[in-house]
Amino acid sequence: MAQKKRGNPKTLVGIVVSDKMDKTVVVLVERLVKHPVYKKYVRRRKKFSAHDENNQCRVGDKVLIRQSRPLSRHKRWRVSRILERVA
């Protein structure tokens, strides 16, 4: 059977807000959206649970996450790499 052609997975950049779970981190992603009526930029925030295989991420780290197959009930993202370490 032929392999399915998969496109590039979505990637997001966010800040780790929780690393209390085993092999899982919670990443807060912020984006700016223009308000449809007032034309002012509004900050939208969303939390994603991401798989961290080696438990390397710490709270405050800036990470790149990419979309993947469902890994558990809430996890659909994997930590691709750590962009900035917290001091």
N, C-alpha and C. Protein backbone atom coordinates (compact mmCIF):
# COMPACT_ATOMS: atom_id res chain seq x y z
N MET A 1 0.83 -1.17 0.00
CA MET A 1 0.00 0.00 0.00
C MET A 1 0.88 1.25 0.00
N ALA A 2 0.53 2.24 -0.78
CA ALA A 2 1.32 3.46 -0.90
C ALA A 2 1.17 4.33 0.35
N GLN A 3 2.25 5.04 0.67
CA GLN A 3 2.22 5.96 1.79
C GLN A 3 1.38 7.18 1.44
N LYS A 4 0.65 7.71 2.44
CA LYS A 4 -0.09 8.95 2.22
C LYS A 4 0.88 10.11 2.17
N LYS A 5 0.63 11.03 1.26
CA LYS A 5 1.45 12.23 1.16
C LYS A 5 0.97 13.21 2.23
N ARG A 6 1.86 13.58 3.14
CA ARG A 6 1.50 14.51 4.20
C ARG A 6 2.19 15.84 3.94
N GLY A 7 1.45 16.92 4.12
CA GLY A 7 2.03 18.25 3.95
C GLY A 7 2.85 18.64 5.16
N ASN A 8 3.27 19.87 5.19
CA ASN A 8 4.04 20.36 6.32
C ASN A 8 3.11 20.52 7.53
N PRO A 9 3.52 19.98 8.70
CA PRO A 9 2.67 20.15 9.88
C PRO A 9 2.69 21.59 10.36
N LYS A 10 1.61 22.02 11.00
CA LYS A 10 1.54 23.37 11.55
C LYS A 10 2.55 23.51 12.68
N THR A 11 3.14 24.69 12.77
CA THR A 11 4.07 24.96 13.87
C THR A 11 3.64 26.24 14.57
N LEU A 12 3.86 26.28 15.88
CA LEU A 12 3.54 27.44 16.70
C LEU A 12 4.69 27.70 17.67
N VAL A 13 4.83 28.95 18.09
CA VAL A 13 5.85 29.32 19.07
C VAL A 13 5.14 29.79 20.33
N GLY A 14 5.57 29.28 21.47
CA GLY A 14 4.92 29.65 22.72
C GLY A 14 5.85 29.51 23.91
N ILE A 15 5.33 29.84 25.08
CA ILE A 15 6.07 29.80 26.34
C ILE A 15 5.53 28.65 27.19
N VAL A 16 6.44 27.87 27.77
CA VAL A 16 6.04 26.76 28.65
C VAL A 16 5.54 27.35 29.97
N VAL A 17 4.30 27.00 30.33
CA VAL A 17 3.72 27.50 31.59
C VAL A 17 3.61 26.40 32.64
N SER A 18 3.74 25.14 32.24
CA SER A 18 3.69 24.04 33.21
C SER A 18 4.50 22.86 32.69
N ASP A 19 5.31 22.27 33.59
CA ASP A 19 6.08 21.07 33.24
C ASP A 19 5.90 20.00 34.32
N LYS A 20 4.77 20.03 35.02
CA LYS A 20 4.56 19.13 36.15
C LYS A 20 4.25 17.69 35.74
N MET A 21 3.76 17.49 34.50
CA MET A 21 3.42 16.15 34.05
C MET A 21 4.65 15.45 33.48
N ASP A 22 4.58 14.12 33.42
CA ASP A 22 5.67 13.34 32.86
C ASP A 22 5.57 13.34 31.34
N LYS A 23 6.63 13.80 30.67
CA LYS A 23 6.72 13.84 29.21
C LYS A 23 5.67 14.74 28.55
N THR A 24 5.12 15.67 29.31
CA THR A 24 4.12 16.61 28.78
C THR A 24 4.38 18.00 29.33
N VAL A 25 4.25 19.00 28.47
CA VAL A 25 4.33 20.38 28.91
C VAL A 25 3.11 21.13 28.40
N VAL A 26 2.72 22.19 29.11
CA VAL A 26 1.64 23.05 28.67
C VAL A 26 2.28 24.31 28.10
N VAL A 27 1.94 24.63 26.85
CA VAL A 27 2.54 25.76 26.14
C VAL A 27 1.47 26.81 25.89
N LEU A 28 1.75 28.07 26.27
CA LEU A 28 0.84 29.19 26.04
C LEU A 28 1.27 29.90 24.76
N VAL A 29 0.34 29.96 23.79
CA VAL A 29 0.61 30.60 22.51
C VAL A 29 -0.23 31.87 22.43
N GLU A 30 0.42 32.99 22.13
CA GLU A 30 -0.27 34.27 21.99
C GLU A 30 -0.27 34.68 20.53
N ARG A 31 -1.39 35.28 20.09
CA ARG A 31 -1.44 35.82 18.73
C ARG A 31 -2.25 37.10 18.75
N LEU A 32 -1.96 37.98 17.81
CA LEU A 32 -2.68 39.24 17.70
C LEU A 32 -3.71 39.13 16.59
N VAL A 33 -4.96 39.52 16.90
CA VAL A 33 -6.07 39.45 15.95
C VAL A 33 -6.70 40.84 15.88
N LYS A 34 -6.97 41.29 14.68
CA LYS A 34 -7.60 42.59 14.52
C LYS A 34 -9.10 42.46 14.78
N HIS A 35 -9.63 43.33 15.64
CA HIS A 35 -11.05 43.30 15.97
C HIS A 35 -11.85 43.70 14.74
N PRO A 36 -12.92 42.93 14.41
CA PRO A 36 -13.65 43.20 13.17
C PRO A 36 -14.35 44.56 13.13
N VAL A 37 -14.80 45.08 14.28
CA VAL A 37 -15.52 46.34 14.30
C VAL A 37 -14.59 47.51 14.63
N TYR A 38 -13.80 47.36 15.70
CA TYR A 38 -13.02 48.48 16.21
C TYR A 38 -11.63 48.59 15.58
N LYS A 39 -11.24 47.58 14.78
CA LYS A 39 -9.96 47.59 14.05
C LYS A 39 -8.74 47.71 14.96
N LYS A 40 -8.93 47.39 16.22
CA LYS A 40 -7.82 47.43 17.17
C LYS A 40 -7.32 46.00 17.36
N TYR A 41 -6.01 45.83 17.60
CA TYR A 41 -5.46 44.49 17.78
C TYR A 41 -5.75 43.98 19.18
N VAL A 42 -6.25 42.76 19.26
CA VAL A 42 -6.60 42.11 20.51
C VAL A 42 -5.70 40.90 20.68
N ARG A 43 -5.19 40.70 21.89
CA ARG A 43 -4.32 39.57 22.17
C ARG A 43 -5.15 38.34 22.48
N ARG A 44 -4.97 37.28 21.73
CA ARG A 44 -5.65 36.01 21.96
C ARG A 44 -4.63 35.00 22.48
N ARG A 45 -5.03 34.26 23.52
CA ARG A 45 -4.14 33.26 24.13
C ARG A 45 -4.80 31.90 24.09
N LYS A 46 -3.99 30.87 23.88
CA LYS A 46 -4.50 29.51 23.92
C LYS A 46 -3.42 28.60 24.48
N LYS A 47 -3.83 27.63 25.28
CA LYS A 47 -2.89 26.67 25.86
C LYS A 47 -2.97 25.36 25.09
N PHE A 48 -1.80 24.78 24.82
CA PHE A 48 -1.71 23.49 24.15
C PHE A 48 -0.89 22.55 25.01
N SER A 49 -1.32 21.29 25.09
CA SER A 49 -0.51 20.26 25.73
C SER A 49 0.39 19.66 24.67
N ALA A 50 1.68 19.62 24.94
CA ALA A 50 2.65 19.13 23.96
C ALA A 50 3.51 18.03 24.56
N HIS A 51 3.90 17.09 23.72
CA HIS A 51 4.71 15.96 24.13
C HIS A 51 6.18 16.37 24.20
N ASP A 52 6.81 16.15 25.35
CA ASP A 52 8.23 16.45 25.56
C ASP A 52 8.92 15.16 25.95
N GLU A 53 9.45 14.45 24.97
CA GLU A 53 9.95 13.09 25.15
C GLU A 53 10.98 12.95 26.27
N ASN A 54 11.94 13.89 26.35
CA ASN A 54 13.04 13.75 27.31
C ASN A 54 12.89 14.64 28.54
N ASN A 55 11.73 15.22 28.75
CA ASN A 55 11.49 16.12 29.89
C ASN A 55 12.55 17.22 29.97
N GLN A 56 12.88 17.84 28.82
CA GLN A 56 13.92 18.87 28.77
C GLN A 56 13.38 20.26 29.05
N CYS A 57 12.11 20.51 28.78
CA CYS A 57 11.55 21.86 28.88
C CYS A 57 11.32 22.24 30.34
N ARG A 58 11.55 23.52 30.63
CA ARG A 58 11.30 24.07 31.94
C ARG A 58 10.33 25.24 31.81
N VAL A 59 9.67 25.62 32.90
CA VAL A 59 8.73 26.74 32.88
C VAL A 59 9.48 28.01 32.46
N GLY A 60 8.92 28.73 31.49
CA GLY A 60 9.53 29.95 31.00
C GLY A 60 10.28 29.79 29.69
N ASP A 61 10.57 28.55 29.28
CA ASP A 61 11.27 28.32 28.02
C ASP A 61 10.39 28.69 26.84
N LYS A 62 11.01 29.25 25.80
CA LYS A 62 10.31 29.53 24.55
C LYS A 62 10.55 28.34 23.64
N VAL A 63 9.45 27.70 23.18
CA VAL A 63 9.58 26.46 22.40
C VAL A 63 8.81 26.55 21.09
N LEU A 64 9.25 25.73 20.14
CA LEU A 64 8.56 25.56 18.87
C LEU A 64 7.84 24.22 18.94
N ILE A 65 6.50 24.24 18.74
CA ILE A 65 5.74 22.99 18.76
C ILE A 65 5.17 22.74 17.38
N ARG A 66 5.05 21.45 17.02
CA ARG A 66 4.47 21.11 15.72
C ARG A 66 3.34 20.12 15.92
N GLN A 67 2.39 20.19 15.02
CA GLN A 67 1.20 19.35 15.12
C GLN A 67 1.57 17.90 14.79
N SER A 68 0.92 16.95 15.46
CA SER A 68 1.18 15.53 15.22
C SER A 68 -0.11 14.75 15.38
N ARG A 69 0.00 13.45 15.25
CA ARG A 69 -1.18 12.60 15.46
C ARG A 69 -1.58 12.67 16.92
N PRO A 70 -2.82 12.31 17.25
CA PRO A 70 -3.23 12.32 18.66
C PRO A 70 -2.38 11.36 19.50
N LEU A 71 -1.79 11.89 20.56
CA LEU A 71 -0.93 11.08 21.44
C LEU A 71 -1.67 10.68 22.71
N SER A 72 -2.66 11.46 23.10
CA SER A 72 -3.51 11.13 24.24
C SER A 72 -4.80 11.92 24.08
N ARG A 73 -5.58 12.00 25.13
CA ARG A 73 -6.88 12.68 25.04
C ARG A 73 -6.72 14.15 24.64
N HIS A 74 -5.69 14.82 25.17
CA HIS A 74 -5.52 16.25 24.91
C HIS A 74 -4.29 16.58 24.08
N LYS A 75 -3.34 15.67 23.98
CA LYS A 75 -2.08 15.98 23.30
C LYS A 75 -2.16 15.72 21.80
N ARG A 76 -1.99 16.81 21.02
CA ARG A 76 -1.91 16.70 19.57
C ARG A 76 -0.71 17.46 19.03
N TRP A 77 0.22 17.81 19.91
CA TRP A 77 1.39 18.60 19.54
C TRP A 77 2.63 17.97 20.14
N ARG A 78 3.79 18.19 19.50
CA ARG A 78 5.09 17.73 20.00
C ARG A 78 6.03 18.93 20.08
N VAL A 79 6.89 18.93 21.08
CA VAL A 79 7.91 19.97 21.16
C VAL A 79 8.95 19.67 20.09
N SER A 80 9.11 20.59 19.15
CA SER A 80 10.06 20.39 18.07
C SER A 80 11.47 20.78 18.52
N ARG A 81 11.59 21.98 19.10
CA ARG A 81 12.88 22.38 19.67
C ARG A 81 12.68 23.54 20.65
N ILE A 82 13.69 23.71 21.49
CA ILE A 82 13.68 24.80 22.47
C ILE A 82 14.40 25.98 21.84
N LEU A 83 13.70 27.11 21.72
CA LEU A 83 14.28 28.28 21.09
C LEU A 83 15.09 29.13 22.07
N GLU A 84 14.56 29.32 23.28
CA GLU A 84 15.25 30.11 24.32
C GLU A 84 15.08 29.41 25.66
N ARG A 85 16.19 29.31 26.37
CA ARG A 85 16.17 28.75 27.72
C ARG A 85 15.95 29.86 28.74
N VAL A 86 15.23 29.56 29.81
CA VAL A 86 15.08 30.52 30.89
C VAL A 86 16.35 30.46 31.75
N ALA A 87 16.75 31.59 32.30
CA ALA A 87 18.01 31.66 33.06
C ALA A 87 17.99 30.86 34.34
